[in-house]
Amino acid sequence: MKPFLFILIIHLFVNQIFCQKSCPEFQSSTENYWPLTPGIENNFKLSRDTKITVILNDSIEFQSKFYRIRRETFLKDGRTEELYFRKENGTIYSYDLKQNLESIALPANPEVGMKWETADRSWS
């Protein structure tokens, strides 16, 4: 779970710092900060690798809720990971397959100093 959260945090910072002004999907998306529109692809240059993220057209159901699938491909070793996200009332939720738990990835209206915690309490 901690590697997932680390990747999620890095993803958030990279989007905020480098991508919002240069990625047209962020400028035209009504979803603003965290678009879950199928087909959106982003390339992220990491310190020793490049990660390509794609929101797939498919969705998957966990506990009667549908999640968009975000596939991450790391070019250095070719490995892929699939992460699961959904948006409800402006809040982005992620689903952890190992824990079978849903967590808040990003609250609807985050404010400076605001804190939230994963469902398994591994990160806050």
Protein backbone atom coordinates (compact mmCIF):
# COMPACT_ATOMS: atom_id res chain seq x y z
CA MET A 1 0.00 0.00 0.00
CA LYS A 2 2.82 2.42 0.79
CA PRO A 3 4.36 2.19 -2.71
CA PHE A 4 0.90 2.95 -4.15
CA LEU A 5 0.55 6.01 -1.93
CA PHE A 6 4.07 7.17 -2.71
CA ILE A 7 3.33 6.92 -6.44
CA LEU A 8 0.02 8.72 -5.91
CA ILE A 9 1.69 11.59 -4.05
CA ILE A 10 4.40 11.92 -6.70
CA HIS A 11 1.71 11.86 -9.38
CA LEU A 12 -0.17 14.70 -7.67
CA PHE A 13 2.91 16.87 -7.34
CA VAL A 14 4.07 16.23 -10.90
CA ASN A 15 0.62 17.12 -12.22
CA GLN A 16 0.48 20.31 -10.20
CA ILE A 17 3.98 21.52 -10.93
CA PHE A 18 4.65 20.45 -14.50
CA CYS A 19 1.50 19.39 -16.24
CA GLN A 20 -1.42 21.67 -15.56
CA LYS A 21 -0.25 24.41 -17.91
CA SER A 22 1.30 22.18 -20.55
CA CYS A 23 -1.30 19.40 -20.78
CA PRO A 24 -4.33 20.47 -22.83
CA GLU A 25 -6.58 17.86 -21.23
CA PHE A 26 -6.25 19.69 -17.91
CA GLN A 27 -7.07 23.02 -19.50
CA SER A 28 -10.16 21.80 -21.33
CA SER A 29 -11.41 19.23 -18.85
CA THR A 30 -14.42 20.02 -16.71
CA GLU A 31 -12.87 17.69 -14.15
CA ASN A 32 -9.99 20.13 -13.63
CA TYR A 33 -7.31 18.70 -11.38
CA TRP A 34 -7.87 14.95 -11.69
CA PRO A 35 -9.48 14.03 -14.99
CA LEU A 36 -10.82 10.50 -15.32
CA THR A 37 -11.87 10.87 -18.93
CA PRO A 38 -11.09 7.74 -20.97
CA GLY A 39 -8.23 8.10 -23.41
CA ILE A 40 -6.30 10.74 -21.48
CA GLU A 41 -2.60 9.90 -21.59
CA ASN A 42 0.21 11.59 -19.70
CA ASN A 43 3.96 11.03 -19.76
CA PHE A 44 5.91 11.66 -16.57
CA LYS A 45 9.70 11.78 -16.47
CA LEU A 46 10.78 10.31 -13.17
CA SER A 47 14.33 10.53 -11.84
CA ARG A 48 15.38 7.24 -13.46
CA ASP A 49 12.40 6.24 -15.53
CA THR A 50 9.48 7.50 -17.58
CA LYS A 51 5.93 6.60 -16.63
CA ILE A 52 3.04 6.70 -19.07
CA THR A 53 -0.43 6.81 -17.56
CA VAL A 54 -3.57 6.15 -19.57
CA ILE A 55 -7.20 6.25 -18.47
CA LEU A 56 -8.73 3.20 -20.14
CA ASN A 57 -12.18 3.08 -21.72
CA ASP A 58 -13.04 0.16 -19.45
CA SER A 59 -14.33 0.37 -15.92
CA ILE A 60 -14.50 -2.25 -13.21
CA GLU A 61 -16.97 -2.81 -10.39
CA PHE A 62 -15.98 -3.25 -6.75
CA GLN A 63 -18.61 -3.38 -4.01
CA SER A 64 -21.34 -2.07 -6.37
CA LYS A 65 -19.28 0.97 -7.41
CA PHE A 66 -17.66 1.49 -10.80
CA TYR A 67 -14.04 2.60 -11.03
CA ARG A 68 -12.05 3.89 -13.99
CA ILE A 69 -8.88 1.96 -14.71
CA ARG A 70 -5.64 3.92 -14.91
CA ARG A 71 -2.82 1.88 -16.42
CA GLU A 72 0.70 2.99 -15.60
CA THR A 73 3.56 1.71 -17.76
CA PHE A 74 7.15 2.18 -16.67
CA LEU A 75 9.38 2.33 -19.73
CA LYS A 76 12.64 1.27 -18.08
CA ASP A 77 11.51 -2.26 -17.25
CA GLY A 78 8.18 -2.45 -19.11
CA ARG A 79 6.14 -3.28 -16.03
CA THR A 80 2.56 -2.10 -15.81
CA GLU A 81 0.24 -1.42 -12.91
CA GLU A 82 -3.47 -0.81 -12.90
CA LEU A 83 -4.97 1.58 -10.40
CA TYR A 84 -8.68 2.14 -9.83
CA PHE A 85 -10.35 5.51 -9.30
CA ARG A 86 -13.85 6.92 -9.22
CA LYS A 87 -15.28 10.38 -8.72
CA GLU A 88 -18.34 11.10 -6.61
CA ASN A 89 -19.52 14.58 -5.61
CA GLY A 90 -16.12 15.97 -6.58
CA THR A 91 -14.14 13.58 -4.37
CA ILE A 92 -11.72 11.14 -6.02
CA TYR A 93 -11.68 7.67 -4.48
CA SER A 94 -9.16 4.89 -5.07
CA TYR A 95 -9.68 1.18 -4.53
CA ASP A 96 -6.98 -1.09 -3.11
CA LEU A 97 -7.34 -4.68 -4.34
CA LYS A 98 -5.05 -6.13 -1.66
CA GLN A 99 -7.05 -4.61 1.20
CA ASN A 100 -10.43 -4.61 -0.59
CA LEU A 101 -10.87 -1.09 0.72
CA GLU A 102 -11.75 2.27 -0.75
CA SER A 103 -9.84 5.39 0.23
CA ILE A 104 -10.09 9.07 -0.53
CA ALA A 105 -7.35 9.96 -2.99
CA LEU A 106 -8.32 13.64 -3.20
CA PRO A 107 -11.16 15.41 -1.35
CA ALA A 108 -13.60 17.53 -3.34
CA ASN A 109 -12.40 20.86 -1.97
CA PRO A 110 -9.02 20.42 -0.30
CA GLU A 111 -7.76 23.32 1.75
CA VAL A 112 -4.32 24.15 3.11
CA GLY A 113 -3.72 22.13 6.27
CA MET A 114 -6.51 19.66 5.54
CA LYS A 115 -5.71 16.02 6.39
CA TRP A 116 -7.30 12.75 5.39
CA GLU A 117 -6.37 9.14 5.88
CA THR A 118 -6.51 5.95 3.84
CA ALA A 119 -9.10 3.34 4.78
CA ASP A 120 -6.42 0.96 6.08
CA ARG A 121 -4.78 3.81 8.05
CA SER A 122 -1.42 3.23 6.34
CA TRP A 123 -1.16 6.85 5.22
CA SER A 124 -2.61 10.19 6.20
